Amino acid sequence: MSSLLQQAIDNLNIRDVYLRDMHCECFDEFDPKYAENLDCLEVQTMHVVRRTEVVQLDSQESLLFRVFILFGTRWVAHQADAEEPAPQAMIEAEFVAEYAMSAELEQDCLNEFALRNASYHVWPYWRELLMSQCARMHLPRLVMPTMQVAQNGVKSQ
């Protein structure tokens, strides 16, 4: 573990995880309840730390570190006459993880934490949302791993 990450872990305390935005859709004529080719669909995933911010709460002098994480899953069909697979359905959600800061931290510490640690707190919420939404939409049941780390870099404000 890097010293930057350890410094962030020592000075950040989880306060909240919540859903900020969600979008789900079946495209065109695709109806998963009656589709016969569900086993042929490829599942693609997205897990991106979209941005971070440090905010000062109006009522207090304490600082709050917020990490915005975007997750997505889509089901695509490969068609012989097309270069790109055709999206059939998708579920996307943005979660926010909020941390109380016990000390001011350098941006490098915050970035390291956002990329390597924040997903541990948010992943169970995404996993539950995705699995229950699949059932509601009659999409194939997905078995999600216990944990996944973001696939990207972070943009800071």
C-alpha atoms as a PDB file:
ATOM      1  CA  MET A   1       0.000   0.000   0.000  1.00  0.00           C
ATOM      2  CA  SER A   2       1.369   3.421  -0.903  1.00  0.00           C
ATOM      3  CA  SER A   3       2.031   6.060   1.736  1.00  0.00           C
ATOM      4  CA  LEU A   4      -0.411   8.394  -0.058  1.00  0.00           C
ATOM      5  CA  LEU A   5      -3.184   5.836   0.221  1.00  0.00           C
ATOM      6  CA  GLN A   6      -2.402   5.124   3.869  1.00  0.00           C
ATOM      7  CA  GLN A   7      -2.438   8.834   4.681  1.00  0.00           C
ATOM      8  CA  ALA A   8      -5.881   9.153   3.064  1.00  0.00           C
ATOM      9  CA  ILE A   9      -7.208   6.063   4.879  1.00  0.00           C
ATOM     10  CA  ASP A  10      -5.999   7.488   8.201  1.00  0.00           C
ATOM     11  CA  ASN A  11      -7.790  10.813   7.634  1.00  0.00           C
ATOM     12  CA  LEU A  12     -11.032   9.881   5.841  1.00  0.00           C
ATOM     13  CA  ASN A  13     -14.075   8.347   7.534  1.00  0.00           C
ATOM     14  CA  ILE A  14     -17.034   7.057   5.527  1.00  0.00           C
ATOM     15  CA  ARG A  15     -20.207   9.062   6.213  1.00  0.00           C
ATOM     16  CA  ASP A  16     -22.639   8.092   3.467  1.00  0.00           C
ATOM     17  CA  VAL A  17     -23.131   6.201   0.216  1.00  0.00           C
ATOM     18  CA  TYR A  18     -26.127   7.050  -1.919  1.00  0.00           C
ATOM     19  CA  LEU A  19     -27.572   6.759  -5.402  1.00  0.00           C
ATOM     20  CA  ARG A  20     -27.358  10.033  -7.323  1.00  0.00           C
ATOM     21  CA  ASP A  21     -28.636   8.994 -10.745  1.00  0.00           C
ATOM     22  CA  MET A  22     -29.899   5.864 -12.486  1.00  0.00           C
ATOM     23  CA  HIS A  23     -30.948   5.032 -16.027  1.00  0.00           C
ATOM     24  CA  CYS A  24     -32.152   1.716 -17.411  1.00  0.00           C
ATOM     25  CA  GLU A  25     -33.530   0.897 -20.815  1.00  0.00           C
ATOM     26  CA  CYS A  26     -34.327  -1.848 -23.304  1.00  0.00           C
ATOM     27  CA  PHE A  27     -33.499  -0.667 -26.823  1.00  0.00           C
ATOM     28  CA  ASP A  28     -35.658  -0.829 -29.945  1.00  0.00           C
ATOM     29  CA  GLU A  29     -37.764  -3.983 -30.134  1.00  0.00           C
ATOM     30  CA  PHE A  30     -35.804  -5.959 -27.531  1.00  0.00           C
ATOM     31  CA  ASP A  31     -38.085  -7.486 -24.889  1.00  0.00           C
ATOM     32  CA  PRO A  32     -36.073  -9.659 -22.498  1.00  0.00           C
ATOM     33  CA  LYS A  33     -39.160 -11.346 -21.076  1.00  0.00           C
ATOM     34  CA  TYR A  34     -39.873 -13.004 -24.432  1.00  0.00           C
ATOM     35  CA  ALA A  35     -36.447 -12.986 -26.102  1.00  0.00           C
ATOM     36  CA  GLU A  36     -35.147 -16.391 -27.149  1.00  0.00           C
ATOM     37  CA  ASN A  37     -31.481 -15.485 -27.536  1.00  0.00           C
ATOM     38  CA  LEU A  38     -30.621 -14.213 -24.048  1.00  0.00           C
ATOM     39  CA  ASP A  39     -27.755 -16.690 -23.706  1.00  0.00           C
ATOM     40  CA  CYS A  40     -26.153 -15.247 -26.854  1.00  0.00           C
ATOM     41  CA  LEU A  41     -25.933 -11.717 -25.478  1.00  0.00           C
ATOM     42  CA  GLU A  42     -22.565 -10.398 -24.366  1.00  0.00           C
ATOM     43  CA  VAL A  43     -22.448  -8.522 -21.062  1.00  0.00           C
ATOM     44  CA  GLN A  44     -20.237  -5.424 -20.973  1.00  0.00           C
ATOM     45  CA  THR A  45     -19.486  -3.472 -17.813  1.00  0.00           C
ATOM     46  CA  MET A  46     -18.308  -0.008 -16.848  1.00  0.00           C
ATOM     47  CA  HIS A  47     -16.872   1.175 -13.523  1.00  0.00           C
ATOM     48  CA  VAL A  48     -15.428   4.691 -13.542  1.00  0.00           C
ATOM     49  CA  VAL A  49     -14.509   7.188 -10.863  1.00  0.00           C
ATOM     50  CA  ARG A  50     -16.076  10.168 -12.616  1.00  0.00           C
ATOM     51  CA  ARG A  51     -14.933  12.976 -10.339  1.00  0.00           C
ATOM     52  CA  THR A  52     -14.107  14.008  -6.807  1.00  0.00           C
ATOM     53  CA  GLU A  53     -14.648  17.151  -4.809  1.00  0.00           C
ATOM     54  CA  VAL A  54     -13.892  18.569  -1.395  1.00  0.00           C
ATOM     55  CA  VAL A  55     -16.694  20.676   0.063  1.00  0.00           C
ATOM     56  CA  GLN A  56     -16.977  22.661   3.237  1.00  0.00           C
ATOM     57  CA  LEU A  57     -20.300  22.211   4.964  1.00  0.00           C
ATOM     58  CA  ASP A  58     -22.078  25.514   5.607  1.00  0.00           C
ATOM     59  CA  SER A  59     -23.162  24.670   9.129  1.00  0.00           C
ATOM     60  CA  GLN A  60     -19.721  23.509  10.240  1.00  0.00           C
ATOM     61  CA  GLU A  61     -16.075  24.052   9.508  1.00  0.00           C
ATOM     62  CA  SER A  62     -15.515  20.390   8.682  1.00  0.00           C
ATOM     63  CA  LEU A  63     -14.567  19.234   5.205  1.00  0.00           C
ATOM     64  CA  LEU A  64     -16.286  16.520   3.216  1.00  0.00           C
ATOM     65  CA  PHE A  65     -14.598  14.501   0.452  1.00  0.00           C
ATOM     66  CA  ARG A  66     -17.069  13.278  -2.178  1.00  0.00           C
ATOM     67  CA  VAL A  67     -16.325  10.588  -4.782  1.00  0.00           C
ATOM     68  CA  PHE A  68     -18.708  10.176  -7.737  1.00  0.00           C
ATOM     69  CA  ILE A  69     -18.574   6.667  -9.205  1.00  0.00           C
ATOM     70  CA  LEU A  70     -20.368   5.649 -12.391  1.00  0.00           C
ATOM     71  CA  PHE A  71     -21.309   2.006 -12.965  1.00  0.00           C
ATOM     72  CA  GLY A  72     -22.936   0.424 -15.968  1.00  0.00           C
ATOM     73  CA  THR A  73     -23.860  -2.894 -17.491  1.00  0.00           C
ATOM     74  CA  ARG A  74     -25.172  -3.446 -20.970  1.00  0.00           C
ATOM     75  CA  TRP A  75     -26.239  -6.453 -22.967  1.00  0.00           C
ATOM     76  CA  VAL A  76     -25.203  -6.434 -26.624  1.00  0.00           C
ATOM     77  CA  ALA A  77     -25.925  -8.700 -29.576  1.00  0.00           C
ATOM     78  CA  HIS A  78     -23.294  -9.392 -32.212  1.00  0.00           C
ATOM     79  CA  GLN A  79     -24.712  -9.174 -35.709  1.00  0.00           C
ATOM     80  CA  ALA A  80     -22.951 -10.529 -38.785  1.00  0.00           C
ATOM     81  CA  ASP A  81     -23.764  -7.465 -40.911  1.00  0.00           C
ATOM     82  CA  ALA A  82     -22.558  -4.852 -38.390  1.00  0.00           C
ATOM     83  CA  GLU A  83     -19.103  -3.806 -37.201  1.00  0.00           C
ATOM     84  CA  GLU A  84     -20.258  -2.863 -33.715  1.00  0.00           C
ATOM     85  CA  PRO A  85     -22.463  -5.012 -31.487  1.00  0.00           C
ATOM     86  CA  ALA A  86     -26.029  -3.757 -31.094  1.00  0.00           C
ATOM     87  CA  PRO A  87     -26.986  -2.696 -27.552  1.00  0.00           C
ATOM     88  CA  GLN A  88     -30.108  -4.502 -26.372  1.00  0.00           C
ATOM     89  CA  ALA A  89     -30.430  -3.265 -22.784  1.00  0.00           C
ATOM     90  CA  MET A  90     -28.508  -1.211 -20.244  1.00  0.00           C
ATOM     91  CA  ILE A  91     -28.501  -0.270 -16.590  1.00  0.00           C
ATOM     92  CA  GLU A  92     -26.345   2.633 -15.395  1.00  0.00           C
ATOM     93  CA  ALA A  93     -26.081   4.288 -12.005  1.00  0.00           C
ATOM     94  CA  GLU A  94     -23.998   6.970 -10.362  1.00  0.00           C
ATOM     95  CA  PHE A  95     -23.263   6.686  -6.660  1.00  0.00           C
ATOM     96  CA  VAL A  96     -21.680   9.194  -4.306  1.00  0.00           C
ATOM     97  CA  ALA A  97     -19.456   8.160  -1.427  1.00  0.00           C
ATOM     98  CA  GLU A  98     -18.954  10.855   1.194  1.00  0.00           C
ATOM     99  CA  TYR A  99     -16.097  10.942   3.692  1.00  0.00           C
ATOM    100  CA  ALA A 100     -15.457  13.225   6.651  1.00  0.00           C
ATOM    101  CA  MET A 101     -11.933  14.626   6.516  1.00  0.00           C
ATOM    102  CA  SER A 102     -10.077  14.812   9.824  1.00  0.00           C
ATOM    103  CA  ALA A 103      -7.241  16.750   8.150  1.00  0.00           C
ATOM    104  CA  GLU A 104      -6.661  18.495   4.851  1.00  0.00           C
ATOM    105  CA  LEU A 105      -5.028  16.174   2.322  1.00  0.00           C
ATOM    106  CA  GLU A 106      -3.048  16.730  -0.850  1.00  0.00           C
ATOM    107  CA  GLN A 107      -4.923  16.078  -4.096  1.00  0.00           C
ATOM    108  CA  ASP A 108      -2.633  13.107  -4.857  1.00  0.00           C
ATOM    109  CA  CYS A 109      -3.757  11.425  -1.620  1.00  0.00           C
ATOM    110  CA  LEU A 110      -7.412  12.019  -2.459  1.00  0.00           C
ATOM    111  CA  ASN A 111      -6.978  10.726  -6.011  1.00  0.00           C
ATOM    112  CA  GLU A 112      -5.241   7.578  -4.791  1.00  0.00           C
ATOM    113  CA  PHE A 113      -8.033   6.945  -2.296  1.00  0.00           C
ATOM    114  CA  ALA A 114     -10.778   7.599  -4.864  1.00  0.00           C
ATOM    115  CA  LEU A 115      -9.273   5.174  -7.356  1.00  0.00           C
ATOM    116  CA  ARG A 116      -8.207   2.414  -4.982  1.00  0.00           C
ATOM    117  CA  ASN A 117     -10.506   2.539  -1.956  1.00  0.00           C
ATOM    118  CA  ALA A 118     -13.831   4.300  -2.536  1.00  0.00           C
ATOM    119  CA  SER A 119     -15.169   1.454  -4.668  1.00  0.00           C
ATOM    120  CA  TYR A 120     -14.948  -0.887  -1.667  1.00  0.00           C
ATOM    121  CA  HIS A 121     -17.645   1.181   0.018  1.00  0.00           C
ATOM    122  CA  VAL A 122     -19.865   1.664  -3.045  1.00  0.00           C
ATOM    123  CA  TRP A 123     -19.633  -1.729  -4.778  1.00  0.00           C
ATOM    124  CA  PRO A 124     -22.148  -3.591  -2.541  1.00  0.00           C
ATOM    125  CA  TYR A 125     -24.799  -0.938  -3.299  1.00  0.00           C
ATOM    126  CA  TRP A 126     -24.217  -1.229  -7.052  1.00  0.00           C
ATOM    127  CA  ARG A 127     -24.203  -5.005  -6.902  1.00  0.00           C
ATOM    128  CA  GLU A 128     -27.569  -5.104  -5.109  1.00  0.00           C
ATOM    129  CA  LEU A 129     -29.121  -2.471  -7.388  1.00  0.00           C
ATOM    130  CA  LEU A 130     -27.975  -4.231 -10.559  1.00  0.00           C
ATOM    131  CA  MET A 131     -29.130  -7.673  -9.474  1.00  0.00           C
ATOM    132  CA  SER A 132     -32.562  -6.459  -8.366  1.00  0.00           C
ATOM    133  CA  GLN A 133     -33.004  -4.292 -11.472  1.00  0.00           C
ATOM    134  CA  CYS A 134     -32.147  -7.255 -13.715  1.00  0.00           C
ATOM    135  CA  ALA A 135     -34.967  -9.200 -12.081  1.00  0.00           C
ATOM    136  CA  ARG A 136     -37.394  -6.295 -12.505  1.00  0.00           C
ATOM    137  CA  MET A 137     -36.535  -5.963 -16.199  1.00  0.00           C
ATOM    138  CA  HIS A 138     -36.524  -9.732 -16.881  1.00  0.00           C
ATOM    139  CA  LEU A 139     -32.861  -9.549 -17.886  1.00  0.00           C
ATOM    140  CA  PRO A 140     -30.604 -12.562 -17.345  1.00  0.00           C
ATOM    141  CA  ARG A 141     -29.486 -13.061 -13.759  1.00  0.00           C
ATOM    142  CA  LEU A 142     -25.931 -11.873 -13.232  1.00  0.00           C
ATOM    143  CA  VAL A 143     -23.536 -13.232 -10.667  1.00  0.00           C
ATOM    144  CA  MET A 144     -21.376 -10.304  -9.666  1.00  0.00           C
ATOM    145  CA  PRO A 145     -17.961 -10.604  -8.039  1.00  0.00           C
ATOM    146  CA  THR A 146     -17.668  -9.502  -4.435  1.00  0.00           C
ATOM    147  CA  MET A 147     -15.482  -6.539  -5.378  1.00  0.00           C
ATOM    148  CA  GLN A 148     -14.195  -4.642  -8.382  1.00  0.00           C
ATOM    149  CA  VAL A 149     -11.855  -1.640  -8.576  1.00  0.00           C
ATOM    150  CA  ALA A 150     -12.459   1.275 -10.946  1.00  0.00           C
ATOM    151  CA  GLN A 151     -11.131   0.920 -14.482  1.00  0.00           C
ATOM    152  CA  ASN A 152      -9.979   4.526 -14.952  1.00  0.00           C
ATOM    153  CA  GLY A 153      -8.253   7.628 -13.730  1.00  0.00           C
ATOM    154  CA  VAL A 154     -10.039  10.345 -11.776  1.00  0.00           C
ATOM    155  CA  LYS A 155     -10.992  13.900 -12.705  1.00  0.00           C
ATOM    156  CA  SER A 156     -10.930  16.402  -9.864  1.00  0.00           C
ATOM    157  CA  GLN A 157     -12.721  19.671  -9.385  1.00  0.00           C
END
